[in-house]
Amino acid sequence: MELRMSLRRSYQTLRKMNNLKLRQVANRIGISVPMLSMYENEIVNLSKEKEIIYREMIMTHKE
């Protein structure tokens, strides 16, 4: 059996690997922490603009 991780779960994993807290990312994007959590758990969608900021932040973050 093959287990596949969804794209948003992959983003969540990458965010955690980069030691980015939900609060840090949510503040940068301009949304609430619960909203970001719901996005990562595939309950809600973000606007395209906010989704782009989210992706750029987690993919380019440097410690």
Protein backbone atom coordinates (compact mmCIF):
# COMPACT_ATOMS: atom_id res chain seq x y z
CA MET A 1 0.00 0.00 0.00
CA GLU A 2 1.35 3.40 -0.96
CA LEU A 3 0.72 6.42 1.23
CA ARG A 4 0.65 9.77 -0.48
CA MET A 5 0.90 13.09 1.25
CA SER A 6 -1.30 15.88 -0.07
CA LEU A 7 0.31 19.08 -1.30
CA ARG A 8 -0.91 21.02 1.73
CA ARG A 9 0.39 18.37 4.11
CA SER A 10 3.72 18.65 2.32
CA TYR A 11 3.64 22.41 2.87
CA GLN A 12 2.83 21.85 6.54
CA THR A 13 5.75 19.44 6.88
CA LEU A 14 8.10 21.88 5.14
CA ARG A 15 6.92 24.71 7.42
CA LYS A 16 7.63 22.58 10.49
CA MET A 17 11.03 21.49 9.16
CA ASN A 18 11.91 25.16 8.73
CA ASN A 19 10.85 25.83 12.34
CA LEU A 20 8.19 28.29 11.24
CA LYS A 21 5.34 28.64 13.71
CA LEU A 22 1.74 28.98 12.58
CA ARG A 23 1.61 32.40 14.25
CA GLN A 24 4.65 33.69 12.34
CA VAL A 25 3.25 32.61 9.00
CA ALA A 26 -0.30 33.75 9.75
CA ASN A 27 0.90 37.20 10.82
CA ARG A 28 2.97 37.59 7.66
CA ILE A 29 0.07 36.55 5.43
CA GLY A 30 -2.48 38.60 7.35
CA ILE A 31 -4.79 35.80 8.48
CA SER A 32 -5.64 34.18 11.81
CA VAL A 33 -3.79 31.16 13.18
CA PRO A 34 -6.97 29.03 13.09
CA MET A 35 -7.53 29.98 9.44
CA LEU A 36 -3.99 28.92 8.51
CA SER A 37 -4.42 25.67 10.40
CA MET A 38 -7.68 24.98 8.56
CA TYR A 39 -5.93 25.72 5.26
CA GLU A 40 -3.12 23.26 6.01
CA ASN A 41 -5.71 20.66 7.03
CA GLU A 42 -7.62 21.17 3.77
CA ILE A 43 -10.77 22.59 5.34
CA VAL A 44 -10.67 26.06 3.76
CA ASN A 45 -8.92 27.76 0.84
CA LEU A 46 -6.88 30.94 0.83
CA SER A 47 -7.06 33.64 -1.80
CA LYS A 48 -4.49 33.18 -4.55
CA GLU A 49 -2.49 36.16 -3.27
CA LYS A 50 -2.27 34.80 0.27
CA GLU A 51 -1.46 31.32 -0.99
CA ILE A 52 1.46 32.69 -3.03
CA ILE A 53 2.83 34.55 0.02
CA TYR A 54 2.46 31.36 2.10
CA ARG A 55 4.34 29.21 -0.43
CA GLU A 56 7.13 31.74 -0.88
CA MET A 57 7.55 32.11 2.87
CA ILE A 58 7.86 28.40 3.63
CA MET A 59 10.00 27.61 0.59
CA THR A 60 12.52 30.43 0.98
CA HIS A 61 12.77 30.65 4.78
CA LYS A 62 16.30 30.72 6.14
CA GLU A 63 17.13 30.24 9.82
